Amino acid sequence: MDIRQIDDRYAVTGQISPDDVRDIVAAGYGALICNRPDGESPDQPDFAEIAKVAEKTGIPVYYVPIIAGQLTQDDVDAMASALEQAEGPVLAYCRSGARSTNIYGIVQQQKG
């Protein structure tokens, strides 16, 4: 996992696997946000698989899938809501981390 810290409360990474969840919890993250739609690539684990492991470890997960190149205001609003609910440092992921970085920037911009 290549985790990139955006600020003291938010970091991003590329696609994670269910096996990564325990390491993410151990690293001190308090919530996970998935910005990648299921089925984007054949080797990608479904969100449900990650959510199942996350539930066992006690880390809350939020599913805010963004179709590459098709970001909408609804996506931004859903991300803002997930960030408001999330406690502790948040790790968001998508294919490469770029969508998770971009939507966070837009949410911050719209908050003023």
PDB file of N, CA and C in Angstrom:
ATOM      1  N   MET A   1       0.844  -1.200   0.000  1.00  0.00           N
ATOM      2  CA  MET A   1       0.000   0.000   0.000  1.00  0.00           C
ATOM      3  C   MET A   1       0.879   1.249   0.000  1.00  0.00           C
ATOM      4  N   ASP A   2       0.568   2.130  -0.899  1.00  0.00           N
ATOM      5  CA  ASP A   2       1.282   3.395  -0.988  1.00  0.00           C
ATOM      6  C   ASP A   2       0.361   4.482  -0.438  1.00  0.00           C
ATOM      7  N   ILE A   3       0.434   4.739   0.869  1.00  0.00           N
ATOM      8  CA  ILE A   3      -0.453   5.718   1.506  1.00  0.00           C
ATOM      9  C   ILE A   3       0.176   7.099   1.413  1.00  0.00           C
ATOM     10  N   ARG A   4      -0.615   8.055   0.896  1.00  0.00           N
ATOM     11  CA  ARG A   4      -0.159   9.442   0.778  1.00  0.00           C
ATOM     12  C   ARG A   4      -0.993  10.322   1.700  1.00  0.00           C
ATOM     13  N   GLN A   5      -0.322  10.993   2.616  1.00  0.00           N
ATOM     14  CA  GLN A   5      -0.978  11.865   3.590  1.00  0.00           C
ATOM     15  C   GLN A   5      -1.328  13.184   2.901  1.00  0.00           C
ATOM     16  N   ILE A   6      -2.611  13.557   2.913  1.00  0.00           N
ATOM     17  CA  ILE A   6      -3.047  14.819   2.305  1.00  0.00           C
ATOM     18  C   ILE A   6      -3.031  15.933   3.339  1.00  0.00           C
ATOM     19  N   ASP A   7      -3.557  15.649   4.523  1.00  0.00           N
ATOM     20  CA  ASP A   7      -3.441  16.568   5.663  1.00  0.00           C
ATOM     21  C   ASP A   7      -3.478  15.713   6.928  1.00  0.00           C
ATOM     22  N   ASP A   8      -3.563  16.342   8.090  1.00  0.00           N
ATOM     23  CA  ASP A   8      -3.453  15.549   9.324  1.00  0.00           C
ATOM     24  C   ASP A   8      -4.648  14.626   9.562  1.00  0.00           C
ATOM     25  N   ARG A   9      -5.719  14.805   8.822  1.00  0.00           N
ATOM     26  CA  ARG A   9      -6.929  14.019   9.038  1.00  0.00           C
ATOM     27  C   ARG A   9      -7.281  13.098   7.869  1.00  0.00           C
ATOM     28  N   TYR A  10      -6.573  13.215   6.751  1.00  0.00           N
ATOM     29  CA  TYR A  10      -6.985  12.526   5.528  1.00  0.00           C
ATOM     30  C   TYR A  10      -5.785  12.023   4.738  1.00  0.00           C
ATOM     31  N   ALA A  11      -5.876  10.759   4.321  1.00  0.00           N
ATOM     32  CA  ALA A  11      -4.837  10.154   3.483  1.00  0.00           C
ATOM     33  C   ALA A  11      -5.520   9.337   2.391  1.00  0.00           C
ATOM     34  N   VAL A  12      -4.786   9.070   1.329  1.00  0.00           N
ATOM     35  CA  VAL A  12      -5.330   8.303   0.205  1.00  0.00           C
ATOM     36  C   VAL A  12      -4.380   7.181  -0.183  1.00  0.00           C
ATOM     37  N   THR A  13      -4.941   6.182  -0.850  1.00  0.00           N
ATOM     38  CA  THR A  13      -4.148   5.090  -1.393  1.00  0.00           C
ATOM     39  C   THR A  13      -4.884   4.504  -2.582  1.00  0.00           C
ATOM     40  N   GLY A  14      -4.190   3.634  -3.314  1.00  0.00           N
ATOM     41  CA  GLY A  14      -4.824   2.901  -4.400  1.00  0.00           C
ATOM     42  C   GLY A  14      -5.652   1.761  -3.825  1.00  0.00           C
ATOM     43  N   GLN A  15      -6.161   0.929  -4.711  1.00  0.00           N
ATOM     44  CA  GLN A  15      -7.020  -0.191  -4.321  1.00  0.00           C
ATOM     45  C   GLN A  15      -6.417  -0.995  -3.169  1.00  0.00           C
ATOM     46  N   ILE A  16      -7.243  -1.267  -2.172  1.00  0.00           N
ATOM     47  CA  ILE A  16      -6.817  -2.122  -1.058  1.00  0.00           C
ATOM     48  C   ILE A  16      -7.463  -3.498  -1.215  1.00  0.00           C
ATOM     49  N   SER A  17      -6.962  -4.454  -0.461  1.00  0.00           N
ATOM     50  CA  SER A  17      -7.561  -5.787  -0.427  1.00  0.00           C
ATOM     51  C   SER A  17      -8.159  -6.003   0.960  1.00  0.00           C
ATOM     52  N   PRO A  18      -9.031  -6.981   1.099  1.00  0.00           N
ATOM     53  CA  PRO A  18      -9.564  -7.278   2.435  1.00  0.00           C
ATOM     54  C   PRO A  18      -8.449  -7.537   3.454  1.00  0.00           C
ATOM     55  N   ASP A  19      -7.348  -8.144   3.012  1.00  0.00           N
ATOM     56  CA  ASP A  19      -6.229  -8.425   3.916  1.00  0.00           C
ATOM     57  C   ASP A  19      -5.541  -7.159   4.434  1.00  0.00           C
ATOM     58  N   ASP A  20      -5.701  -6.046   3.727  1.00  0.00           N
ATOM     59  CA  ASP A  20      -5.068  -4.784   4.144  1.00  0.00           C
ATOM     60  C   ASP A  20      -5.791  -4.109   5.307  1.00  0.00           C
ATOM     61  N   VAL A  21      -7.056  -4.464   5.530  1.00  0.00           N
ATOM     62  CA  VAL A  21      -7.880  -3.729   6.500  1.00  0.00           C
ATOM     63  C   VAL A  21      -7.279  -3.761   7.904  1.00  0.00           C
ATOM     64  N   ARG A  22      -6.813  -4.912   8.346  1.00  0.00           N
ATOM     65  CA  ARG A  22      -6.241  -4.997   9.694  1.00  0.00           C
ATOM     66  C   ARG A  22      -5.009  -4.104   9.832  1.00  0.00           C
ATOM     67  N   ASP A  23      -4.180  -4.053   8.788  1.00  0.00           N
ATOM     68  CA  ASP A  23      -3.001  -3.170   8.809  1.00  0.00           C
ATOM     69  C   ASP A  23      -3.411  -1.699   8.864  1.00  0.00           C
ATOM     70  N   ILE A  24      -4.490  -1.371   8.164  1.00  0.00           N
ATOM     71  CA  ILE A  24      -4.996   0.010   8.153  1.00  0.00           C
ATOM     72  C   ILE A  24      -5.458   0.403   9.555  1.00  0.00           C
ATOM     73  N   VAL A  25      -6.174  -0.498  10.207  1.00  0.00           N
ATOM     74  CA  VAL A  25      -6.627  -0.254  11.590  1.00  0.00           C
ATOM     75  C   VAL A  25      -5.415  -0.116  12.511  1.00  0.00           C
ATOM     76  N   ALA A  26      -4.450  -1.025  12.353  1.00  0.00           N
ATOM     77  CA  ALA A  26      -3.244  -1.003  13.193  1.00  0.00           C
ATOM     78  C   ALA A  26      -2.447   0.291  12.994  1.00  0.00           C
ATOM     79  N   ALA A  27      -2.534   0.873  11.798  1.00  0.00           N
ATOM     80  CA  ALA A  27      -1.827   2.126  11.510  1.00  0.00           C
ATOM     81  C   ALA A  27      -2.531   3.342  12.120  1.00  0.00           C
ATOM     82  N   GLY A  28      -3.713   3.120  12.722  1.00  0.00           N
ATOM     83  CA  GLY A  28      -4.388   4.199  13.437  1.00  0.00           C
ATOM     84  C   GLY A  28      -5.495   4.908  12.690  1.00  0.00           C
ATOM     85  N   TYR A  29      -5.878   4.399  11.533  1.00  0.00           N
ATOM     86  CA  TYR A  29      -6.983   5.053  10.807  1.00  0.00           C
ATOM     87  C   TYR A  29      -8.304   4.734  11.487  1.00  0.00           C
ATOM     88  N   GLY A  30      -9.200   5.743  11.505  1.00  0.00           N
ATOM     89  CA  GLY A  30     -10.477   5.598  12.194  1.00  0.00           C
ATOM     90  C   GLY A  30     -11.647   5.349  11.274  1.00  0.00           C
ATOM     91  N   ALA A  31     -11.435   5.473   9.960  1.00  0.00           N
ATOM     92  CA  ALA A  31     -12.510   5.233   8.991  1.00  0.00           C
ATOM     93  C   ALA A  31     -11.895   5.001   7.618  1.00  0.00           C
ATOM     94  N   LEU A  32     -12.643   4.280   6.801  1.00  0.00           N
ATOM     95  CA  LEU A  32     -12.249   3.991   5.421  1.00  0.00           C
ATOM     96  C   LEU A  32     -13.328   4.514   4.490  1.00  0.00           C
ATOM     97  N   ILE A  33     -12.925   5.135   3.396  1.00  0.00           N
ATOM     98  CA  ILE A  33     -13.877   5.566   2.371  1.00  0.00           C
ATOM     99  C   ILE A  33     -13.442   4.954   1.046  1.00  0.00           C
ATOM    100  N   CYS A  34     -14.372   4.254   0.404  1.00  0.00           N
ATOM    101  CA  CYS A  34     -14.116   3.681  -0.917  1.00  0.00           C
ATOM    102  C   CYS A  34     -14.701   4.611  -1.978  1.00  0.00           C
ATOM    103  N   ASN A  35     -13.845   5.111  -2.874  1.00  0.00           N
ATOM    104  CA  ASN A  35     -14.299   5.968  -3.965  1.00  0.00           C
ATOM    105  C   ASN A  35     -14.289   5.233  -5.311  1.00  0.00           C
ATOM    106  N   ARG A  36     -14.135   3.915  -5.264  1.00  0.00           N
ATOM    107  CA  ARG A  36     -14.050   3.139  -6.504  1.00  0.00           C
ATOM    108  C   ARG A  36     -15.299   2.290  -6.687  1.00  0.00           C
ATOM    109  N   PRO A  37     -15.991   2.439  -7.822  1.00  0.00           N
ATOM    110  CA  PRO A  37     -17.163   1.597  -8.068  1.00  0.00           C
ATOM    111  C   PRO A  37     -16.766   0.126  -8.210  1.00  0.00           C
ATOM    112  N   ASP A  38     -17.615  -0.762  -7.740  1.00  0.00           N
ATOM    113  CA  ASP A  38     -17.391  -2.196  -7.943  1.00  0.00           C
ATOM    114  C   ASP A  38     -17.345  -2.495  -9.439  1.00  0.00           C
ATOM    115  N   GLY A  39     -16.545  -3.502  -9.800  1.00  0.00           N
ATOM    116  CA  GLY A  39     -16.527  -3.965 -11.176  1.00  0.00           C
ATOM    117  C   GLY A  39     -15.725  -3.125 -12.150  1.00  0.00           C
ATOM    118  N   GLU A  40     -14.950  -2.188 -11.642  1.00  0.00           N
ATOM    119  CA  GLU A  40     -14.170  -1.336 -12.532  1.00  0.00           C
ATOM    120  C   GLU A  40     -13.049  -2.133 -13.212  1.00  0.00           C
ATOM    121  N   SER A  41     -12.555  -3.140 -12.506  1.00  0.00           N
ATOM    122  CA  SER A  41     -11.520  -3.999 -13.070  1.00  0.00           C
ATOM    123  C   SER A  41     -11.754  -5.424 -12.560  1.00  0.00           C
ATOM    124  N   PRO A  42     -11.448  -6.434 -13.378  1.00  0.00           N
ATOM    125  CA  PRO A  42     -11.784  -7.806 -13.005  1.00  0.00           C
ATOM    126  C   PRO A  42     -11.056  -8.332 -11.763  1.00  0.00           C
ATOM    127  N   ASP A  43      -9.888  -7.783 -11.446  1.00  0.00           N
ATOM    128  CA  ASP A  43      -9.118  -8.288 -10.301  1.00  0.00           C
ATOM    129  C   ASP A  43      -9.396  -7.518  -9.006  1.00  0.00           C
ATOM    130  N   GLN A  44     -10.339  -6.621  -9.046  1.00  0.00           N
ATOM    131  CA  GLN A  44     -10.632  -5.742  -7.912  1.00  0.00           C
ATOM    132  C   GLN A  44     -11.604  -6.417  -6.940  1.00  0.00           C
ATOM    133  N   PRO A  45     -11.289  -6.420  -5.628  1.00  0.00           N
ATOM    134  CA  PRO A  45     -12.263  -6.975  -4.676  1.00  0.00           C
ATOM    135  C   PRO A  45     -13.491  -6.065  -4.578  1.00  0.00           C
ATOM    136  N   ASP A  46     -14.664  -6.671  -4.433  1.00  0.00           N
ATOM    137  CA  ASP A  46     -15.885  -5.875  -4.253  1.00  0.00           C
ATOM    138  C   ASP A  46     -15.838  -5.150  -2.918  1.00  0.00           C
ATOM    139  N   PHE A  47     -16.529  -4.018  -2.868  1.00  0.00           N
ATOM    140  CA  PHE A  47     -16.612  -3.250  -1.629  1.00  0.00           C
ATOM    141  C   PHE A  47     -17.151  -4.120  -0.490  1.00  0.00           C
ATOM    142  N   ALA A  48     -18.111  -4.982  -0.781  1.00  0.00           N
ATOM    143  CA  ALA A  48     -18.717  -5.829   0.259  1.00  0.00           C
ATOM    144  C   ALA A  48     -17.677  -6.710   0.952  1.00  0.00           C
ATOM    145  N   GLU A  49     -16.689  -7.188   0.198  1.00  0.00           N
ATOM    146  CA  GLU A  49     -15.636  -8.026   0.796  1.00  0.00           C
ATOM    147  C   GLU A  49     -14.818  -7.212   1.803  1.00  0.00           C
ATOM    148  N   ILE A  50     -14.493  -5.985   1.436  1.00  0.00           N
ATOM    149  CA  ILE A  50     -13.714  -5.112   2.317  1.00  0.00           C
ATOM    150  C   ILE A  50     -14.559  -4.699   3.516  1.00  0.00           C
ATOM    151  N   ALA A  51     -15.826  -4.377   3.266  1.00  0.00           N
ATOM    152  CA  ALA A  51     -16.730  -3.961   4.348  1.00  0.00           C
ATOM    153  C   ALA A  51     -16.910  -5.070   5.377  1.00  0.00           C
ATOM    154  N   LYS A  52     -16.946  -6.325   4.917  1.00  0.00           N
ATOM    155  CA  LYS A  52     -17.122  -7.471   5.820  1.00  0.00           C
ATOM    156  C   LYS A  52     -15.946  -7.572   6.796  1.00  0.00           C
ATOM    157  N   VAL A  53     -14.720  -7.431   6.289  1.00  0.00           N
ATOM    158  CA  VAL A  53     -13.538  -7.478   7.157  1.00  0.00           C
ATOM    159  C   VAL A  53     -13.510  -6.252   8.065  1.00  0.00           C
ATOM    160  N   ALA A  54     -13.859  -5.099   7.506  1.00  0.00           N
ATOM    161  CA  ALA A  54     -13.864  -3.859   8.292  1.00  0.00           C
ATOM    162  C   ALA A  54     -14.831  -3.963   9.468  1.00  0.00           C
ATOM    163  N   GLU A  55     -15.989  -4.553   9.221  1.00  0.00           N
ATOM    164  CA  GLU A  55     -16.980  -4.713  10.292  1.00  0.00           C
ATOM    165  C   GLU A  55     -16.400  -5.552  11.431  1.00  0.00           C
ATOM    166  N   LYS A  56     -15.665  -6.595  11.091  1.00  0.00           N
ATOM    167  CA  LYS A  56     -15.054  -7.466  12.113  1.00  0.00           C
ATOM    168  C   LYS A  56     -13.993  -6.726  12.923  1.00  0.00           C
ATOM    169  N   THR A  57     -13.300  -5.779  12.287  1.00  0.00           N
ATOM    170  CA  THR A  57     -12.241  -5.052  12.980  1.00  0.00           C
ATOM    171  C   THR A  57     -12.770  -3.796  13.676  1.00  0.00           C
ATOM    172  N   GLY A  58     -14.009  -3.415  13.362  1.00  0.00           N
ATOM    173  CA  GLY A  58     -14.612  -2.270  14.031  1.00  0.00           C
ATOM    174  C   GLY A  58     -14.362  -0.922  13.364  1.00  0.00           C
ATOM    175  N   ILE A  59     -13.755  -0.908  12.173  1.00  0.00           N
ATOM    176  CA  ILE A  59     -13.528   0.375  11.498  1.00  0.00           C
ATOM    177  C   ILE A  59     -14.734   0.671  10.595  1.00  0.00           C
ATOM    178  N   PRO A  60     -15.321   1.864  10.719  1.00  0.00           N
ATOM    179  CA  PRO A  60     -16.439   2.215   9.846  1.00  0.00           C
ATOM    180  C   PRO A  60     -15.966   2.394   8.398  1.00  0.00           C
ATOM    181  N   VAL A  61     -16.817   1.980   7.466  1.00  0.00           N
ATOM    182  CA  VAL A  61     -16.511   2.147   6.051  1.00  0.00           C
ATOM    183  C   VAL A  61     -17.649   2.892   5.363  1.00  0.00           C
ATOM    184  N   TYR A  62     -17.294   3.696   4.387  1.00  0.00           N
ATOM    185  CA  TYR A  62     -18.258   4.479   3.624  1.00  0.00           C
ATOM    186  C   TYR A  62     -18.023   4.193   2.151  1.00  0.00           C
ATOM    187  N   TYR A  63     -19.098   4.013   1.401  1.00  0.00           N
ATOM    188  CA  TYR A  63     -19.009   3.716  -0.029  1.00  0.00           C
ATOM    189  C   TYR A  63     -19.499   4.925  -0.802  1.00  0.00           C
ATOM    190  N   VAL A  64     -18.565   5.644  -1.400  1.00  0.00           N
ATOM    191  CA  VAL A  64     -18.872   6.837  -2.207  1.00  0.00           C
ATOM    192  C   VAL A  64     -18.212   6.617  -3.569  1.00  0.00           C
ATOM    193  N   PRO A  65     -18.814   5.720  -4.394  1.00  0.00           N
ATOM    194  CA  PRO A  65     -18.174   5.383  -5.666  1.00  0.00           C
ATOM    195  C   PRO A  65     -18.253   6.525  -6.675  1.00  0.00           C
ATOM    196  N   ILE A  66     -17.123   6.794  -7.302  1.00  0.00           N
ATOM    197  CA  ILE A  66     -17.050   7.858  -8.303  1.00  0.00           C
ATOM    198  C   ILE A  66     -16.610   7.224  -9.619  1.00  0.00           C
ATOM    199  N   ILE A  67     -17.425   7.381 -10.643  1.00  0.00           N
ATOM    200  CA  ILE A  67     -17.048   6.875 -11.962  1.00  0.00           C
ATOM    201  C   ILE A  67     -15.970   7.806 -12.519  1.00  0.00           C
ATOM    202  N   ALA A  68     -14.854   7.220 -12.941  1.00  0.00           N
ATOM    203  CA  ALA A  68     -13.712   8.002 -13.436  1.00  0.00           C
ATOM    204  C   ALA A  68     -14.166   8.998 -14.502  1.00  0.00           C
ATOM    205  N   GLY A  69     -13.787  10.263 -14.298  1.00  0.00           N
ATOM    206  CA  GLY A  69     -14.108  11.314 -15.257  1.00  0.00           C
ATOM    207  C   GLY A  69     -15.549  11.798 -15.228  1.00  0.00           C
ATOM    208  N   GLN A  70     -16.342  11.316 -14.254  1.00  0.00           N
ATOM    209  CA  GLN A  70     -17.765  11.692 -14.207  1.00  0.00           C
ATOM    210  C   GLN A  70     -18.195  12.155 -12.815  1.00  0.00           C
ATOM    211  N   LEU A  71     -17.354  12.922 -12.161  1.00  0.00           N
ATOM    212  CA  LEU A  71     -17.657  13.430 -10.825  1.00  0.00           C
ATOM    213  C   LEU A  71     -18.879  14.349 -10.869  1.00  0.00           C
ATOM    214  N   THR A  72     -19.829  14.129  -9.956  1.00  0.00           N
ATOM    215  CA  THR A  72     -21.036  14.953  -9.894  1.00  0.00           C
ATOM    216  C   THR A  72     -21.113  15.676  -8.544  1.00  0.00           C
ATOM    217  N   GLN A  73     -22.006  16.642  -8.462  1.00  0.00           N
ATOM    218  CA  GLN A  73     -22.226  17.338  -7.188  1.00  0.00           C
ATOM    219  C   GLN A  73     -22.769  16.364  -6.147  1.00  0.00           C
ATOM    220  N   ASP A  74     -23.576  15.392  -6.563  1.00  0.00           N
ATOM    221  CA  ASP A  74     -24.080  14.376  -5.630  1.00  0.00           C
ATOM    222  C   ASP A  74     -22.918  13.593  -5.009  1.00  0.00           C
ATOM    223  N   ASP A  75     -21.900  13.284  -5.834  1.00  0.00           N
ATOM    224  CA  ASP A  75     -20.710  12.600  -5.317  1.00  0.00           C
ATOM    225  C   ASP A  75     -20.020  13.456  -4.258  1.00  0.00           C
ATOM    226  N   VAL A  76     -19.873  14.749  -4.561  1.00  0.00           N
ATOM    227  CA  VAL A  76     -19.206  15.672  -3.631  1.00  0.00           C
ATOM    228  C   VAL A  76     -20.000  15.760  -2.327  1.00  0.00           C
ATOM    229  N   ASP A  77     -21.316  15.855  -2.431  1.00  0.00           N
ATOM    230  CA  ASP A  77     -22.169  15.933  -1.237  1.00  0.00           C
ATOM    231  C   ASP A  77     -22.076  14.648  -0.409  1.00  0.00           C
ATOM    232  N   ALA A  78     -22.052  13.487  -1.085  1.00  0.00           N
ATOM    233  CA  ALA A  78     -21.942  12.201  -0.377  1.00  0.00           C
ATOM    234  C   ALA A  78     -20.586  12.092   0.321  1.00  0.00           C
ATOM    235  N   MET A  79     -19.548  12.571  -0.342  1.00  0.00           N
ATOM    236  CA  MET A  79     -18.206  12.534   0.259  1.00  0.00           C
ATOM    237  C   MET A  79     -18.144  13.462   1.470  1.00  0.00           C
ATOM    238  N   ALA A  80     -18.719  14.651   1.340  1.00  0.00           N
ATOM    239  CA  ALA A  80     -18.741  15.604   2.459  1.00  0.00           C
ATOM    240  C   ALA A  80     -19.465  14.988   3.653  1.00  0.00           C
ATOM    241  N   SER A  81     -20.566  14.296   3.402  1.00  0.00           N
ATOM    242  CA  SER A  81     -21.328  13.647   4.459  1.00  0.00           C
ATOM    243  C   SER A  81     -20.503  12.536   5.131  1.00  0.00           C
ATOM    244  N   ALA A  82     -19.823  11.717   4.324  1.00  0.00           N
ATOM    245  CA  ALA A  82     -18.987  10.646   4.879  1.00  0.00           C
ATOM    246  C   ALA A  82     -17.877  11.232   5.744  1.00  0.00           C
ATOM    247  N   LEU A  83     -17.267  12.305   5.278  1.00  0.00           N
ATOM    248  CA  LEU A  83     -16.181  12.932   6.039  1.00  0.00           C
ATOM    249  C   LEU A  83     -16.688  13.522   7.354  1.00  0.00           C
ATOM    250  N   GLU A  84     -17.906  14.070   7.351  1.00  0.00           N
ATOM    251  CA  GLU A  84     -18.483  14.623   8.580  1.00  0.00           C
ATOM    252  C   GLU A  84     -18.751  13.516   9.598  1.00  0.00           C
ATOM    253  N   GLN A  85     -19.194  12.355   9.123  1.00  0.00           N
ATOM    254  CA  GLN A  85     -19.524  11.241  10.017  1.00  0.00           C
ATOM    255  C   GLN A  85     -18.286  10.516  10.529  1.00  0.00           C
ATOM    256  N   ALA A  86     -17.244  10.485   9.727  1.00  0.00           N
ATOM    257  CA  ALA A  86     -16.043   9.715  10.051  1.00  0.00           C
ATOM    258  C   ALA A  86     -15.304  10.332  11.230  1.00  0.00           C
ATOM    259  N   GLU A  87     -14.856   9.472  12.127  1.00  0.00           N
ATOM    260  CA  GLU A  87     -14.064   9.938  13.268  1.00  0.00           C
ATOM    261  C   GLU A  87     -12.631   9.448  13.120  1.00  0.00           C
ATOM    262  N   GLY A  88     -11.720  10.265  13.597  1.00  0.00           N
ATOM    263  CA  GLY A  88     -10.314   9.873  13.519  1.00  0.00           C
ATOM    264  C   GLY A  88      -9.766  10.082  12.120  1.00  0.00           C
ATOM    265  N   PRO A  89      -8.515   9.758  11.914  1.00  0.00           N
ATOM    266  CA  PRO A  89      -7.939   9.914  10.582  1.00  0.00           C
ATOM    267  C   PRO A  89      -8.650   8.999   9.588  1.00  0.00           C
ATOM    268  N   VAL A  90      -8.876   9.512   8.385  1.00  0.00           N
ATOM    269  CA  VAL A  90      -9.594   8.798   7.331  1.00  0.00           C
ATOM    270  C   VAL A  90      -8.607   8.350   6.260  1.00  0.00           C
ATOM    271  N   LEU A  91      -8.777   7.118   5.794  1.00  0.00           N
ATOM    272  CA  LEU A  91      -8.046   6.636   4.630  1.00  0.00           C
ATOM    273  C   LEU A  91      -9.067   6.377   3.530  1.00  0.00           C
ATOM    274  N   ALA A  92      -8.909   7.078   2.404  1.00  0.00           N
ATOM    275  CA  ALA A  92      -9.791   6.880   1.259  1.00  0.00           C
ATOM    276  C   ALA A  92      -9.007   6.191   0.153  1.00  0.00           C
ATOM    277  N   TYR A  93      -9.714   5.373  -0.621  1.00  0.00           N
ATOM    278  CA  TYR A  93      -9.032   4.678  -1.710  1.00  0.00           C
ATOM    279  C   TYR A  93      -9.885   4.631  -2.969  1.00  0.00           C
ATOM    280  N   CYS A  94      -9.202   4.500  -4.084  1.00  0.00           N
ATOM    281  CA  CYS A  94      -9.809   4.271  -5.388  1.00  0.00           C
ATOM    282  C   CYS A  94      -8.798   3.432  -6.172  1.00  0.00           C
ATOM    283  N   ARG A  95      -8.732   3.546  -7.476  1.00  0.00           N
ATOM    284  CA  ARG A  95      -7.764   2.730  -8.217  1.00  0.00           C
ATOM    285  C   ARG A  95      -6.341   3.153  -7.906  1.00  0.00           C
ATOM    286  N   SER A  96      -6.090   4.481  -7.990  1.00  0.00           N
ATOM    287  CA  SER A  96      -4.719   4.979  -7.800  1.00  0.00           C
ATOM    288  C   SER A  96      -4.575   5.944  -6.628  1.00  0.00           C
ATOM    289  N   GLY A  97      -5.701   6.448  -6.119  1.00  0.00           N
ATOM    290  CA  GLY A  97      -5.686   7.486  -5.091  1.00  0.00           C
ATOM    291  C   GLY A  97      -6.044   8.858  -5.644  1.00  0.00           C
ATOM    292  N   ALA A  98      -6.031   8.992  -6.978  1.00  0.00           N
ATOM    293  CA  ALA A  98      -6.277  10.304  -7.597  1.00  0.00           C
ATOM    294  C   ALA A  98      -7.710  10.803  -7.375  1.00  0.00           C
ATOM    295  N   ARG A  99      -8.706   9.965  -7.594  1.00  0.00           N
ATOM    296  CA  ARG A  99     -10.104  10.396  -7.383  1.00  0.00           C
ATOM    297  C   ARG A  99     -10.333  10.777  -5.932  1.00  0.00           C
ATOM    298  N   SER A 100      -9.765   9.980  -5.019  1.00  0.00           N
ATOM    299  CA  SER A 100      -9.929  10.264  -3.589  1.00  0.00           C
ATOM    300  C   SER A 100      -9.269  11.592  -3.219  1.00  0.00           C
ATOM    301  N   THR A 101      -8.145  11.906  -3.864  1.00  0.00           N
ATOM    302  CA  THR A 101      -7.471  13.183  -3.629  1.00  0.00           C
ATOM    303  C   THR A 101      -8.296  14.334  -4.200  1.00  0.00           C
ATOM    304  N   ASN A 102      -8.761  14.163  -5.438  1.00  0.00           N
ATOM    305  CA  ASN A 102      -9.496  15.240  -6.116  1.00  0.00           C
ATOM    306  C   ASN A 102     -10.803  15.575  -5.413  1.00  0.00           C
ATOM    307  N   ILE A 103     -11.572  14.564  -5.034  1.00  0.00           N
ATOM    308  CA  ILE A 103     -12.871  14.854  -4.411  1.00  0.00           C
ATOM    309  C   ILE A 103     -12.677  15.499  -3.043  1.00  0.00           C
ATOM    310  N   TYR A 104     -11.639  15.111  -2.332  1.00  0.00           N
ATOM    311  CA  TYR A 104     -11.365  15.738  -1.035  1.00  0.00           C
ATOM    312  C   TYR A 104     -11.067  17.235  -1.224  1.00  0.00           C
ATOM    313  N   GLY A 105     -10.266  17.537  -2.228  1.00  0.00           N
ATOM    314  CA  GLY A 105      -9.956  18.940  -2.520  1.00  0.00           C
ATOM    315  C   GLY A 105     -11.204  19.744  -2.840  1.00  0.00           C
ATOM    316  N   ILE A 106     -12.118  19.150  -3.616  1.00  0.00           N
ATOM    317  CA  ILE A 106     -13.350  19.855  -3.975  1.00  0.00           C
ATOM    318  C   ILE A 106     -14.232  20.060  -2.742  1.00  0.00           C
ATOM    319  N   VAL A 107     -14.337  19.040  -1.897  1.00  0.00           N
ATOM    320  CA  VAL A 107     -15.131  19.172  -0.664  1.00  0.00           C
ATOM    321  C   VAL A 107     -14.556  20.308   0.185  1.00  0.00           C
ATOM    322  N   GLN A 108     -13.239  20.355   0.342  1.00  0.00           N
ATOM    323  CA  GLN A 108     -12.594  21.404   1.154  1.00  0.00           C
ATOM    324  C   GLN A 108     -12.856  22.781   0.549  1.00  0.00           C
ATOM    325  N   GLN A 109     -12.764  22.873  -0.769  1.00  0.00           N
ATOM    326  CA  GLN A 109     -12.993  24.133  -1.479  1.00  0.00           C
ATOM    327  C   GLN A 109     -14.435  24.626  -1.251  1.00  0.00           C
ATOM    328  N   GLN A 110     -15.390  23.710  -1.353  1.00  0.00           N
ATOM    329  CA  GLN A 110     -16.802  24.099  -1.205  1.00  0.00           C
ATOM    330  C   GLN A 110     -17.147  24.461   0.241  1.00  0.00           C
ATOM    331  N   LYS A 111     -16.393  23.907   1.195  1.00  0.00           N
ATOM    332  CA  LYS A 111     -16.610  24.265   2.599  1.00  0.00           C
ATOM    333  C   LYS A 111     -16.088  25.681   2.869  1.00  0.00           C
ATOM    334  N   GLY A 112     -15.222  26.158   1.980  1.00  0.00           N
ATOM    335  CA  GLY A 112     -14.695  27.503   2.138  1.00  0.00           C
ATOM    336  C   GLY A 112     -13.454  27.469   2.978  1.00  0.00           C
TER     337      GLY A 112
END
